[in-house]
Amino acid sequence: MKNDTLYPTDEITVKEEFSSYFEFKDFPGGHETSIKIPNKYDVNLKVYNLIPGVSVIINHANLKDRYRESDDMLEYAHPEDTLLINFIRRGRCQLEVNPDKYMFVKNNDIYLYIKESFPNSFSYLGEVTIYHILINRRQFKKLLTEYTQEYMDVINYFFKECEKEKSVMFKAPEKIIEIIEELEKTRYNKEITNLLLFQLKTIETITFLYELEIEDEKINQRTYSDATIRVVRNIKNSLSRNIASYVSLETLSLSYGINLTTLKNCFKDMYGKPLYTWYKEYKFYRARELIKNTDYPISKIANMIGYKSSSKFAKSFKKEMGVLPSSYRKNKK
């Protein structure tokens, strides 16, 4: 016998194999499903079922291990009739767009697709927040009247746009960002008030997107093979373990057998920063941790992150942090 608490919405279920890891509770205006797998996944889904066929799910995940397509926790009853409008609020996600072709979406990107066209879920690591608007036209048609025909026309428009190229991605207009910010800041105590707030803001979002000429807003994102993504991830992990080293991009490209331009582009798309910008910031992050948590001499810490001269390290540290390493240690102690 199925447990109703496994259901984020009427059309979406949490797979049975994850049932021992989930918790379910109501809150004003909706309900919350949490899936916690120790040292691996911590996923929180806040669900607002607004009207039959239209739901909002706020997906906040903090993952210690990469969430892969094969680990998808949710099942869709009618993926051919389920359209997702996804707003990436925080973090970065990897999406399969074709067999062995992946792209990355980041904060303030909007991504639309029909679930049947992309049965695999987002793949991501770390902290991610995504606002999903789920539209199920099968459910909506059950309530179709002359009054709601205009809504049906809007829904069909989004389905047609996605059927043209399977998916649509573009930068969120400022208006959409403002709506999401308002939803984040505003919470009421009464259930009906929260539900009405989400209904109004969701209809406003859908209306604005309908008016937007999506065809003109689309952007072409770079795609990468799984092998390329693995190489770039290995490069980042290797640099993380060897912060005392300095290796040129050209050397990394040759050592790992990856095109230099592809390395630069893929790293930036995956992690949001150019490789050496990230590496420099990571070195100073490690330096701060060592200064705070050890009694190593500053000269030793400088050597540990690749500086042969402690004076050059101190100068660079002050430029980054606004204080000398010795002052930083004194303040943190």
C-alpha atoms as a PDB file:
ATOM      1  CA  MET A   1       0.000   0.000   0.000  1.00  0.00           C
ATOM      2  CA  LYS A   2       1.429   3.363  -0.996  1.00  0.00           C
ATOM      3  CA  ASN A   3       2.175   5.975   1.605  1.00  0.00           C
ATOM      4  CA  ASP A   4       0.648   9.320   0.624  1.00  0.00           C
ATOM      5  CA  THR A   5       3.505  11.196   2.262  1.00  0.00           C
ATOM      6  CA  LEU A   6       5.774   9.964  -0.532  1.00  0.00           C
ATOM      7  CA  TYR A   7       4.041  12.337  -2.922  1.00  0.00           C
ATOM      8  CA  PRO A   8       5.438  15.854  -3.489  1.00  0.00           C
ATOM      9  CA  THR A   9       2.464  16.380  -5.864  1.00  0.00           C
ATOM     10  CA  ASP A  10      -0.288  14.210  -7.340  1.00  0.00           C
ATOM     11  CA  GLU A  11       1.868  13.562 -10.406  1.00  0.00           C
ATOM     12  CA  ILE A  12       5.301  13.151  -8.788  1.00  0.00           C
ATOM     13  CA  THR A  13       6.365  10.500  -6.306  1.00  0.00           C
ATOM     14  CA  VAL A  14       9.527   9.897  -4.338  1.00  0.00           C
ATOM     15  CA  LYS A  15      10.882   6.490  -5.375  1.00  0.00           C
ATOM     16  CA  GLU A  16      10.298   3.708  -2.880  1.00  0.00           C
ATOM     17  CA  GLU A  17      14.007   2.958  -2.430  1.00  0.00           C
ATOM     18  CA  PHE A  18      14.434   6.408  -0.866  1.00  0.00           C
ATOM     19  CA  SER A  19      11.459   6.044   1.490  1.00  0.00           C
ATOM     20  CA  SER A  20      13.581   5.256   4.555  1.00  0.00           C
ATOM     21  CA  TYR A  21      15.471   8.529   4.126  1.00  0.00           C
ATOM     22  CA  PHE A  22      12.598  10.981   3.835  1.00  0.00           C
ATOM     23  CA  GLU A  23      10.626  13.142   6.252  1.00  0.00           C
ATOM     24  CA  PHE A  24       7.330  14.842   5.506  1.00  0.00           C
ATOM     25  CA  LYS A  25       5.595  17.767   7.213  1.00  0.00           C
ATOM     26  CA  ASP A  26       3.025  20.431   6.482  1.00  0.00           C
ATOM     27  CA  PHE A  27       3.673  24.161   6.662  1.00  0.00           C
ATOM     28  CA  PRO A  28       1.384  27.170   6.027  1.00  0.00           C
ATOM     29  CA  GLY A  29       0.435  27.019   2.359  1.00  0.00           C
ATOM     30  CA  GLY A  30       2.109  23.752   1.426  1.00  0.00           C
ATOM     31  CA  HIS A  31       4.161  20.781   2.555  1.00  0.00           C
ATOM     32  CA  GLU A  32       7.805  19.811   2.776  1.00  0.00           C
ATOM     33  CA  THR A  33       9.605  16.630   1.786  1.00  0.00           C
ATOM     34  CA  SER A  34      13.180  16.196   3.044  1.00  0.00           C
ATOM     35  CA  ILE A  35      15.484  13.426   1.835  1.00  0.00           C
ATOM     36  CA  LYS A  36      18.648  13.005   3.881  1.00  0.00           C
ATOM     37  CA  ILE A  37      21.242  10.330   3.107  1.00  0.00           C
ATOM     38  CA  PRO A  38      24.174  10.682   5.536  1.00  0.00           C
ATOM     39  CA  ASN A  39      27.392  12.023   3.989  1.00  0.00           C
ATOM     40  CA  LYS A  40      25.767  12.080   0.574  1.00  0.00           C
ATOM     41  CA  TYR A  41      22.496  13.930  -0.087  1.00  0.00           C
ATOM     42  CA  ASP A  42      20.524  16.523   1.807  1.00  0.00           C
ATOM     43  CA  VAL A  43      17.554  17.537  -0.355  1.00  0.00           C
ATOM     44  CA  ASN A  44      14.642  19.697   0.786  1.00  0.00           C
ATOM     45  CA  LEU A  45      11.545  20.120  -1.398  1.00  0.00           C
ATOM     46  CA  LYS A  46       9.002  22.776  -0.373  1.00  0.00           C
ATOM     47  CA  VAL A  47       5.863  22.148  -2.382  1.00  0.00           C
ATOM     48  CA  TYR A  48       3.010  24.541  -3.107  1.00  0.00           C
ATOM     49  CA  ASN A  49       0.167  22.832  -5.016  1.00  0.00           C
ATOM     50  CA  LEU A  50      -1.499  25.976  -6.320  1.00  0.00           C
ATOM     51  CA  ILE A  51      -4.286  24.749  -8.587  1.00  0.00           C
ATOM     52  CA  PRO A  52      -4.840  21.356 -10.248  1.00  0.00           C
ATOM     53  CA  GLY A  53      -2.042  21.023 -12.796  1.00  0.00           C
ATOM     54  CA  VAL A  54       0.188  23.828 -11.482  1.00  0.00           C
ATOM     55  CA  SER A  55       2.669  23.440  -8.612  1.00  0.00           C
ATOM     56  CA  VAL A  56       5.756  25.236  -7.366  1.00  0.00           C
ATOM     57  CA  ILE A  57       8.610  23.261  -5.812  1.00  0.00           C
ATOM     58  CA  ILE A  58      11.474  25.072  -4.115  1.00  0.00           C
ATOM     59  CA  ASN A  59      14.361  22.636  -4.260  1.00  0.00           C
ATOM     60  CA  HIS A  60      17.212  23.377  -1.870  1.00  0.00           C
ATOM     61  CA  ALA A  61      19.997  20.801  -1.881  1.00  0.00           C
ATOM     62  CA  ASN A  62      23.331  20.604  -0.110  1.00  0.00           C
ATOM     63  CA  LEU A  63      25.168  17.613  -1.520  1.00  0.00           C
ATOM     64  CA  LYS A  64      28.406  16.057  -0.342  1.00  0.00           C
ATOM     65  CA  ASP A  65      28.401  13.676  -3.318  1.00  0.00           C
ATOM     66  CA  ARG A  66      27.446  14.419  -6.912  1.00  0.00           C
ATOM     67  CA  TYR A  67      23.746  13.902  -7.573  1.00  0.00           C
ATOM     68  CA  ARG A  68      23.686  11.867 -10.771  1.00  0.00           C
ATOM     69  CA  GLU A  69      20.920  11.080 -13.224  1.00  0.00           C
ATOM     70  CA  SER A  70      20.935   7.427 -12.137  1.00  0.00           C
ATOM     71  CA  ASP A  71      20.172   8.566  -8.584  1.00  0.00           C
ATOM     72  CA  ASP A  72      17.010  10.441  -9.551  1.00  0.00           C
ATOM     73  CA  MET A  73      14.730  10.314  -6.517  1.00  0.00           C
ATOM     74  CA  LEU A  74      11.495  11.262  -8.255  1.00  0.00           C
ATOM     75  CA  GLU A  75       9.121   9.511 -10.653  1.00  0.00           C
ATOM     76  CA  TYR A  76       6.669  11.301 -12.945  1.00  0.00           C
ATOM     77  CA  ALA A  77       3.313   9.696 -13.697  1.00  0.00           C
ATOM     78  CA  HIS A  78       2.852  11.444 -17.066  1.00  0.00           C
ATOM     79  CA  PRO A  79       6.178  12.933 -18.197  1.00  0.00           C
ATOM     80  CA  GLU A  80       4.810  13.626 -21.680  1.00  0.00           C
ATOM     81  CA  ASP A  81       2.291  16.062 -20.148  1.00  0.00           C
ATOM     82  CA  THR A  82       4.610  17.610 -17.558  1.00  0.00           C
ATOM     83  CA  LEU A  83       6.443  20.827 -18.385  1.00  0.00           C
ATOM     84  CA  LEU A  84       9.038  22.272 -16.016  1.00  0.00           C
ATOM     85  CA  ILE A  85      10.016  25.930 -15.842  1.00  0.00           C
ATOM     86  CA  ASN A  86      13.215  25.934 -13.791  1.00  0.00           C
ATOM     87  CA  PHE A  87      14.760  29.054 -12.284  1.00  0.00           C
ATOM     88  CA  ILE A  88      18.291  28.466 -10.953  1.00  0.00           C
ATOM     89  CA  ARG A  89      18.442  30.719  -7.934  1.00  0.00           C
ATOM     90  CA  ARG A  90      21.800  29.597  -6.541  1.00  0.00           C
ATOM     91  CA  GLY A  91      24.522  27.212  -7.648  1.00  0.00           C
ATOM     92  CA  ARG A  92      25.247  25.467 -10.930  1.00  0.00           C
ATOM     93  CA  CYS A  93      23.678  22.399 -12.510  1.00  0.00           C
ATOM     94  CA  GLN A  94      24.747  19.995 -15.228  1.00  0.00           C
ATOM     95  CA  LEU A  95      22.154  18.962 -17.794  1.00  0.00           C
ATOM     96  CA  GLU A  96      22.198  16.272 -20.459  1.00  0.00           C
ATOM     97  CA  VAL A  97      20.954  17.831 -23.690  1.00  0.00           C
ATOM     98  CA  ASN A  98      21.883  15.017 -26.069  1.00  0.00           C
ATOM     99  CA  PRO A  99      23.515  11.609 -25.666  1.00  0.00           C
ATOM    100  CA  ASP A 100      26.927  12.376 -24.140  1.00  0.00           C
ATOM    101  CA  LYS A 101      26.414  16.134 -24.505  1.00  0.00           C
ATOM    102  CA  TYR A 102      26.075  18.218 -21.367  1.00  0.00           C
ATOM    103  CA  MET A 103      25.713  21.896 -20.579  1.00  0.00           C
ATOM    104  CA  PHE A 104      25.785  23.932 -17.402  1.00  0.00           C
ATOM    105  CA  VAL A 105      23.116  26.290 -16.117  1.00  0.00           C
ATOM    106  CA  LYS A 106      23.807  28.745 -13.328  1.00  0.00           C
ATOM    107  CA  ASN A 107      22.146  31.247 -11.027  1.00  0.00           C
ATOM    108  CA  ASN A 108      19.483  33.391 -12.712  1.00  0.00           C
ATOM    109  CA  ASP A 109      19.220  31.072 -15.721  1.00  0.00           C
ATOM    110  CA  ILE A 110      15.775  29.817 -16.739  1.00  0.00           C
ATOM    111  CA  TYR A 111      15.458  26.406 -18.347  1.00  0.00           C
ATOM    112  CA  LEU A 112      12.242  24.974 -19.817  1.00  0.00           C
ATOM    113  CA  TYR A 113      11.630  21.433 -20.981  1.00  0.00           C
ATOM    114  CA  ILE A 114       9.045  18.679 -21.182  1.00  0.00           C
ATOM    115  CA  LYS A 115       9.968  15.908 -18.767  1.00  0.00           C
ATOM    116  CA  GLU A 116       9.585  13.117 -21.332  1.00  0.00           C
ATOM    117  CA  SER A 117      12.203  14.801 -23.544  1.00  0.00           C
ATOM    118  CA  PHE A 118      14.692  14.859 -20.657  1.00  0.00           C
ATOM    119  CA  PRO A 119      13.900  11.970 -18.323  1.00  0.00           C
ATOM    120  CA  ASN A 120      17.167  12.459 -16.424  1.00  0.00           C
ATOM    121  CA  SER A 121      17.313  14.935 -13.620  1.00  0.00           C
ATOM    122  CA  PHE A 122      19.670  17.808 -12.946  1.00  0.00           C
ATOM    123  CA  SER A 123      23.119  16.710 -11.875  1.00  0.00           C
ATOM    124  CA  TYR A 124      24.855  18.925  -9.324  1.00  0.00           C
ATOM    125  CA  LEU A 125      27.199  19.130  -6.384  1.00  0.00           C
ATOM    126  CA  GLY A 126      27.308  21.392  -3.341  1.00  0.00           C
ATOM    127  CA  GLU A 127      24.631  23.944  -2.483  1.00  0.00           C
ATOM    128  CA  VAL A 128      21.912  24.526  -5.060  1.00  0.00           C
ATOM    129  CA  THR A 129      18.513  26.258  -4.945  1.00  0.00           C
ATOM    130  CA  ILE A 130      16.083  25.802  -7.839  1.00  0.00           C
ATOM    131  CA  TYR A 131      12.522  27.102  -8.230  1.00  0.00           C
ATOM    132  CA  HIS A 132      10.478  24.664 -10.328  1.00  0.00           C
ATOM    133  CA  ILE A 133       7.110  25.579 -11.790  1.00  0.00           C
ATOM    134  CA  LEU A 134       5.461  22.308 -12.807  1.00  0.00           C
ATOM    135  CA  ILE A 135       2.629  22.439 -15.309  1.00  0.00           C
ATOM    136  CA  ASN A 136       0.701  19.238 -16.016  1.00  0.00           C
ATOM    137  CA  ARG A 137      -1.729  19.801 -18.848  1.00  0.00           C
ATOM    138  CA  ARG A 138      -3.426  16.427 -18.286  1.00  0.00           C
ATOM    139  CA  GLN A 139      -4.580  17.558 -14.847  1.00  0.00           C
ATOM    140  CA  PHE A 140      -5.381  21.066 -16.012  1.00  0.00           C
ATOM    141  CA  LYS A 141      -7.626  19.779 -18.811  1.00  0.00           C
ATOM    142  CA  LYS A 142      -9.845  18.089 -16.222  1.00  0.00           C
ATOM    143  CA  LEU A 143     -10.965  21.536 -15.063  1.00  0.00           C
ATOM    144  CA  LEU A 144     -11.054  23.094 -18.514  1.00  0.00           C
ATOM    145  CA  THR A 145     -13.957  25.488 -18.933  1.00  0.00           C
ATOM    146  CA  GLU A 146     -14.646  28.474 -21.125  1.00  0.00           C
ATOM    147  CA  TYR A 147     -13.224  30.609 -18.311  1.00  0.00           C
ATOM    148  CA  THR A 148      -9.907  28.731 -18.204  1.00  0.00           C
ATOM    149  CA  GLN A 149      -9.403  28.330 -21.967  1.00  0.00           C
ATOM    150  CA  GLU A 150      -7.021  31.311 -22.010  1.00  0.00           C
ATOM    151  CA  TYR A 151      -4.844  29.538 -19.437  1.00  0.00           C
ATOM    152  CA  MET A 152      -4.848  26.430 -21.596  1.00  0.00           C
ATOM    153  CA  ASP A 153      -3.700  28.481 -24.582  1.00  0.00           C
ATOM    154  CA  VAL A 154      -0.762  29.814 -22.564  1.00  0.00           C
ATOM    155  CA  ILE A 155       0.180  26.310 -21.386  1.00  0.00           C
ATOM    156  CA  ASN A 156       0.043  24.975 -24.943  1.00  0.00           C
ATOM    157  CA  TYR A 157       2.315  27.824 -26.049  1.00  0.00           C
ATOM    158  CA  PHE A 158       5.058  26.721 -23.634  1.00  0.00           C
ATOM    159  CA  PHE A 159       4.704  23.102 -24.730  1.00  0.00           C
ATOM    160  CA  LYS A 160       5.048  24.097 -28.390  1.00  0.00           C
ATOM    161  CA  GLU A 161       8.158  26.182 -27.693  1.00  0.00           C
ATOM    162  CA  CYS A 162       9.793  23.233 -25.950  1.00  0.00           C
ATOM    163  CA  GLU A 163       8.724  20.750 -28.629  1.00  0.00           C
ATOM    164  CA  LYS A 164      10.544  22.796 -31.280  1.00  0.00           C
ATOM    165  CA  GLU A 165      14.002  22.182 -29.842  1.00  0.00           C
ATOM    166  CA  LYS A 166      13.252  19.949 -26.837  1.00  0.00           C
ATOM    167  CA  SER A 167      14.458  22.616 -24.420  1.00  0.00           C
ATOM    168  CA  VAL A 168      14.755  26.375 -24.062  1.00  0.00           C
ATOM    169  CA  MET A 169      17.270  28.269 -21.921  1.00  0.00           C
ATOM    170  CA  PHE A 170      17.737  32.008 -21.349  1.00  0.00           C
ATOM    171  CA  LYS A 171      18.850  34.530 -18.759  1.00  0.00           C
ATOM    172  CA  ALA A 172      16.085  35.519 -16.362  1.00  0.00           C
ATOM    173  CA  PRO A 173      14.764  39.031 -16.994  1.00  0.00           C
ATOM    174  CA  GLU A 174      15.018  41.418 -14.057  1.00  0.00           C
ATOM    175  CA  LYS A 175      11.268  41.183 -13.524  1.00  0.00           C
ATOM    176  CA  ILE A 176      11.476  37.428 -12.826  1.00  0.00           C
ATOM    177  CA  ILE A 177      14.367  37.937 -10.408  1.00  0.00           C
ATOM    178  CA  GLU A 178      12.291  40.543  -8.546  1.00  0.00           C
ATOM    179  CA  ILE A 179       9.361  38.111  -8.247  1.00  0.00           C
ATOM    180  CA  ILE A 180      11.602  35.382  -6.803  1.00  0.00           C
ATOM    181  CA  GLU A 181      13.201  37.843  -4.372  1.00  0.00           C
ATOM    182  CA  GLU A 182       9.753  38.900  -3.180  1.00  0.00           C
ATOM    183  CA  LEU A 183       8.741  35.272  -2.622  1.00  0.00           C
ATOM    184  CA  GLU A 184      11.906  34.702  -0.602  1.00  0.00           C
ATOM    185  CA  LYS A 185      11.349  37.718   1.623  1.00  0.00           C
ATOM    186  CA  THR A 186       7.605  37.439   2.191  1.00  0.00           C
ATOM    187  CA  ARG A 187       6.026  34.815   4.450  1.00  0.00           C
ATOM    188  CA  TYR A 188       2.636  34.914   6.157  1.00  0.00           C
ATOM    189  CA  ASN A 189       1.338  32.930   9.109  1.00  0.00           C
ATOM    190  CA  LYS A 190      -1.967  31.927   7.562  1.00  0.00           C
ATOM    191  CA  GLU A 191      -1.969  29.002   5.162  1.00  0.00           C
ATOM    192  CA  ILE A 192      -4.414  30.578   2.734  1.00  0.00           C
ATOM    193  CA  THR A 193      -2.371  33.789   2.554  1.00  0.00           C
ATOM    194  CA  ASN A 194       0.842  31.994   1.626  1.00  0.00           C
ATOM    195  CA  LEU A 195      -0.993  29.905  -0.941  1.00  0.00           C
ATOM    196  CA  LEU A 196      -2.576  33.000  -2.520  1.00  0.00           C
ATOM    197  CA  LEU A 197       0.810  34.740  -2.593  1.00  0.00           C
ATOM    198  CA  PHE A 198       2.363  31.846  -4.510  1.00  0.00           C
ATOM    199  CA  GLN A 199      -0.649  31.606  -6.816  1.00  0.00           C
ATOM    200  CA  LEU A 200      -0.455  35.288  -7.705  1.00  0.00           C
ATOM    201  CA  LYS A 201       3.315  35.344  -8.186  1.00  0.00           C
ATOM    202  CA  THR A 202       3.318  32.147 -10.214  1.00  0.00           C
ATOM    203  CA  ILE A 203       0.596  33.429 -12.530  1.00  0.00           C
ATOM    204  CA  GLU A 204       2.532  36.698 -12.817  1.00  0.00           C
ATOM    205  CA  THR A 205       5.697  34.766 -13.747  1.00  0.00           C
ATOM    206  CA  ILE A 206       3.919  32.607 -16.330  1.00  0.00           C
ATOM    207  CA  THR A 207       2.170  35.669 -17.798  1.00  0.00           C
ATOM    208  CA  PHE A 208       5.436  37.566 -18.081  1.00  0.00           C
ATOM    209  CA  LEU A 209       7.198  34.620 -19.744  1.00  0.00           C
ATOM    210  CA  TYR A 210       4.308  34.241 -22.180  1.00  0.00           C
ATOM    211  CA  GLU A 211       4.594  37.900 -23.125  1.00  0.00           C
ATOM    212  CA  LEU A 212       8.390  37.683 -23.419  1.00  0.00           C
ATOM    213  CA  GLU A 213       9.092  36.393 -26.982  1.00  0.00           C
ATOM    214  CA  ILE A 214      11.051  33.399 -25.739  1.00  0.00           C
ATOM    215  CA  GLU A 215      12.409  32.728 -29.232  1.00  0.00           C
ATOM    216  CA  ASP A 216      14.384  35.996 -29.087  1.00  0.00           C
ATOM    217  CA  GLU A 217      15.661  35.388 -25.554  1.00  0.00           C
ATOM    218  CA  LYS A 218      17.203  31.958 -26.120  1.00  0.00           C
ATOM    219  CA  ILE A 219      20.929  31.600 -25.658  1.00  0.00           C
ATOM    220  CA  ASN A 220      23.163  28.902 -27.072  1.00  0.00           C
ATOM    221  CA  GLN A 221      25.130  27.318 -24.272  1.00  0.00           C
ATOM    222  CA  ARG A 222      28.364  25.440 -24.856  1.00  0.00           C
ATOM    223  CA  THR A 223      28.140  21.658 -24.491  1.00  0.00           C
ATOM    224  CA  TYR A 224      30.754  19.141 -23.393  1.00  0.00           C
ATOM    225  CA  SER A 225      31.186  15.392 -23.423  1.00  0.00           C
ATOM    226  CA  ASP A 226      31.227  13.389 -20.215  1.00  0.00           C
ATOM    227  CA  ALA A 227      34.894  12.566 -20.826  1.00  0.00           C
ATOM    228  CA  THR A 228      35.792  16.276 -21.049  1.00  0.00           C
ATOM    229  CA  ILE A 229      33.882  17.054 -17.862  1.00  0.00           C
ATOM    230  CA  ARG A 230      35.670  14.253 -16.032  1.00  0.00           C
ATOM    231  CA  VAL A 231      39.072  15.536 -17.169  1.00  0.00           C
ATOM    232  CA  VAL A 232      38.300  19.073 -16.005  1.00  0.00           C
ATOM    233  CA  ARG A 233      37.024  17.758 -12.679  1.00  0.00           C
ATOM    234  CA  ASN A 234      40.217  15.710 -12.275  1.00  0.00           C
ATOM    235  CA  ILE A 235      42.326  18.796 -12.992  1.00  0.00           C
ATOM    236  CA  LYS A 236      40.496  20.775 -10.323  1.00  0.00           C
ATOM    237  CA  ASN A 237      40.842  17.960  -7.779  1.00  0.00           C
ATOM    238  CA  SER A 238      44.544  17.601  -8.551  1.00  0.00           C
ATOM    239  CA  LEU A 239      45.176  21.323  -8.126  1.00  0.00           C
ATOM    240  CA  SER A 240      43.216  21.264  -4.855  1.00  0.00           C
ATOM    241  CA  ARG A 241      45.595  18.632  -3.495  1.00  0.00           C
ATOM    242  CA  ASN A 242      48.744  20.355  -4.747  1.00  0.00           C
ATOM    243  CA  ILE A 243      48.372  23.987  -3.737  1.00  0.00           C
ATOM    244  CA  ALA A 244      52.140  24.528  -3.527  1.00  0.00           C
ATOM    245  CA  SER A 245      52.587  23.908  -7.236  1.00  0.00           C
ATOM    246  CA  TYR A 246      52.378  26.226 -10.193  1.00  0.00           C
ATOM    247  CA  VAL A 247      51.461  24.649 -13.510  1.00  0.00           C
ATOM    248  CA  SER A 248      50.666  26.630 -16.633  1.00  0.00           C
ATOM    249  CA  LEU A 249      47.409  26.114 -18.497  1.00  0.00           C
ATOM    250  CA  GLU A 250      49.391  24.957 -21.500  1.00  0.00           C
ATOM    251  CA  THR A 251      51.110  22.272 -19.401  1.00  0.00           C
ATOM    252  CA  LEU A 252      47.787  21.124 -17.937  1.00  0.00           C
ATOM    253  CA  SER A 253      46.318  20.958 -21.434  1.00  0.00           C
ATOM    254  CA  LEU A 254      49.154  18.761 -22.693  1.00  0.00           C
ATOM    255  CA  SER A 255      49.351  16.606 -19.559  1.00  0.00           C
ATOM    256  CA  TYR A 256      45.651  15.771 -19.564  1.00  0.00           C
ATOM    257  CA  GLY A 257      45.186  15.633 -23.331  1.00  0.00           C
ATOM    258  CA  ILE A 258      42.542  18.356 -23.479  1.00  0.00           C
ATOM    259  CA  ASN A 259      42.294  21.261 -25.894  1.00  0.00           C
ATOM    260  CA  LEU A 260      43.402  24.493 -24.171  1.00  0.00           C
ATOM    261  CA  THR A 261      40.343  26.524 -25.219  1.00  0.00           C
ATOM    262  CA  THR A 262      38.031  23.685 -24.178  1.00  0.00           C
ATOM    263  CA  LEU A 263      39.776  23.497 -20.797  1.00  0.00           C
ATOM    264  CA  LYS A 264      39.308  27.224 -20.195  1.00  0.00           C
ATOM    265  CA  ASN A 265      35.672  27.278 -21.324  1.00  0.00           C
ATOM    266  CA  CYS A 266      34.600  24.079 -19.571  1.00  0.00           C
ATOM    267  CA  PHE A 267      36.217  25.038 -16.258  1.00  0.00           C
ATOM    268  CA  LYS A 268      34.534  28.436 -16.260  1.00  0.00           C
ATOM    269  CA  ASP A 269      31.146  26.953 -17.197  1.00  0.00           C
ATOM    270  CA  MET A 270      31.457  24.262 -14.510  1.00  0.00           C
ATOM    271  CA  TYR A 271      32.753  26.394 -11.652  1.00  0.00           C
ATOM    272  CA  GLY A 272      31.802  29.950 -12.560  1.00  0.00           C
ATOM    273  CA  LYS A 273      35.350  31.339 -12.639  1.00  0.00           C
ATOM    274  CA  PRO A 274      38.437  31.131 -14.841  1.00  0.00           C
ATOM    275  CA  LEU A 275      40.722  28.322 -13.694  1.00  0.00           C
ATOM    276  CA  TYR A 276      43.508  30.478 -12.303  1.00  0.00           C
ATOM    277  CA  THR A 277      41.109  32.897 -10.636  1.00  0.00           C
ATOM    278  CA  TRP A 278      39.623  29.924  -8.801  1.00  0.00           C
ATOM    279  CA  TYR A 279      43.100  28.494  -8.030  1.00  0.00           C
ATOM    280  CA  LYS A 280      44.351  31.778  -6.574  1.00  0.00           C
ATOM    281  CA  GLU A 281      41.240  32.167  -4.422  1.00  0.00           C
ATOM    282  CA  TYR A 282      41.523  28.550  -3.267  1.00  0.00           C
ATOM    283  CA  LYS A 283      45.170  29.018  -2.269  1.00  0.00           C
ATOM    284  CA  PHE A 284      44.235  31.983  -0.084  1.00  0.00           C
ATOM    285  CA  TYR A 285      41.272  30.109   1.352  1.00  0.00           C
ATOM    286  CA  ARG A 286      43.663  27.357   2.433  1.00  0.00           C
ATOM    287  CA  ALA A 287      46.126  29.956   3.723  1.00  0.00           C
ATOM    288  CA  ARG A 288      43.418  31.530   5.895  1.00  0.00           C
ATOM    289  CA  GLU A 289      42.508  28.144   7.317  1.00  0.00           C
ATOM    290  CA  LEU A 290      46.143  27.367   8.121  1.00  0.00           C
ATOM    291  CA  ILE A 291      46.683  30.772   9.738  1.00  0.00           C
ATOM    292  CA  LYS A 292      43.560  30.387  11.880  1.00  0.00           C
ATOM    293  CA  ASN A 293      43.876  26.748  12.848  1.00  0.00           C
ATOM    294  CA  THR A 294      47.611  26.073  13.156  1.00  0.00           C
ATOM    295  CA  ASP A 295      50.658  27.627  14.788  1.00  0.00           C
ATOM    296  CA  TYR A 296      52.797  27.207  11.683  1.00  0.00           C
ATOM    297  CA  PRO A 297      55.079  30.161  10.983  1.00  0.00           C
ATOM    298  CA  ILE A 298      53.786  32.478   8.278  1.00  0.00           C
ATOM    299  CA  SER A 299      56.861  31.642   6.197  1.00  0.00           C
ATOM    300  CA  LYS A 300      55.947  27.943   6.255  1.00  0.00           C
ATOM    301  CA  ILE A 301      52.349  28.655   5.249  1.00  0.00           C
ATOM    302  CA  ALA A 302      53.641  30.801   2.401  1.00  0.00           C
ATOM    303  CA  ASN A 303      55.721  27.859   1.152  1.00  0.00           C
ATOM    304  CA  MET A 304      52.784  25.474   1.585  1.00  0.00           C
ATOM    305  CA  ILE A 305      50.679  27.448  -0.895  1.00  0.00           C
ATOM    306  CA  GLY A 306      53.481  28.015  -3.397  1.00  0.00           C
ATOM    307  CA  TYR A 307      55.191  31.244  -2.317  1.00  0.00           C
ATOM    308  CA  LYS A 308      58.982  31.048  -1.990  1.00  0.00           C
ATOM    309  CA  SER A 309      59.094  34.516  -0.442  1.00  0.00           C
ATOM    310  CA  SER A 310      57.102  35.189   2.729  1.00  0.00           C
ATOM    311  CA  SER A 311      57.237  38.938   2.028  1.00  0.00           C
ATOM    312  CA  LYS A 312      55.567  38.439  -1.388  1.00  0.00           C
ATOM    313  CA  PHE A 313      52.983  36.212   0.276  1.00  0.00           C
ATOM    314  CA  ALA A 314      52.294  38.849   2.940  1.00  0.00           C
ATOM    315  CA  LYS A 315      51.890  41.517   0.258  1.00  0.00           C
ATOM    316  CA  SER A 316      49.526  39.346  -1.791  1.00  0.00           C
ATOM    317  CA  PHE A 317      47.580  38.307   1.323  1.00  0.00           C
ATOM    318  CA  LYS A 318      47.064  41.934   2.336  1.00  0.00           C
ATOM    319  CA  LYS A 319      45.868  42.747  -1.174  1.00  0.00           C
ATOM    320  CA  GLU A 320      43.313  39.933  -0.974  1.00  0.00           C
ATOM    321  CA  MET A 321      42.236  40.251   2.666  1.00  0.00           C
ATOM    322  CA  GLY A 322      43.021  43.854   3.571  1.00  0.00           C
ATOM    323  CA  VAL A 323      45.349  42.869   6.437  1.00  0.00           C
ATOM    324  CA  LEU A 324      48.742  41.223   6.823  1.00  0.00           C
ATOM    325  CA  PRO A 325      48.816  37.502   7.685  1.00  0.00           C
ATOM    326  CA  SER A 326      50.149  38.235  11.188  1.00  0.00           C
ATOM    327  CA  SER A 327      47.293  40.671  11.886  1.00  0.00           C
ATOM    328  CA  TYR A 328      44.756  38.192  10.478  1.00  0.00           C
ATOM    329  CA  ARG A 329      46.049  35.504  12.846  1.00  0.00           C
ATOM    330  CA  LYS A 330      45.954  37.864  15.823  1.00  0.00           C
ATOM    331  CA  ASN A 331      42.377  38.926  15.070  1.00  0.00           C
ATOM    332  CA  LYS A 332      41.156  35.353  14.571  1.00  0.00           C
ATOM    333  CA  LYS A 333      42.880  34.066  17.693  1.00  0.00           C
END
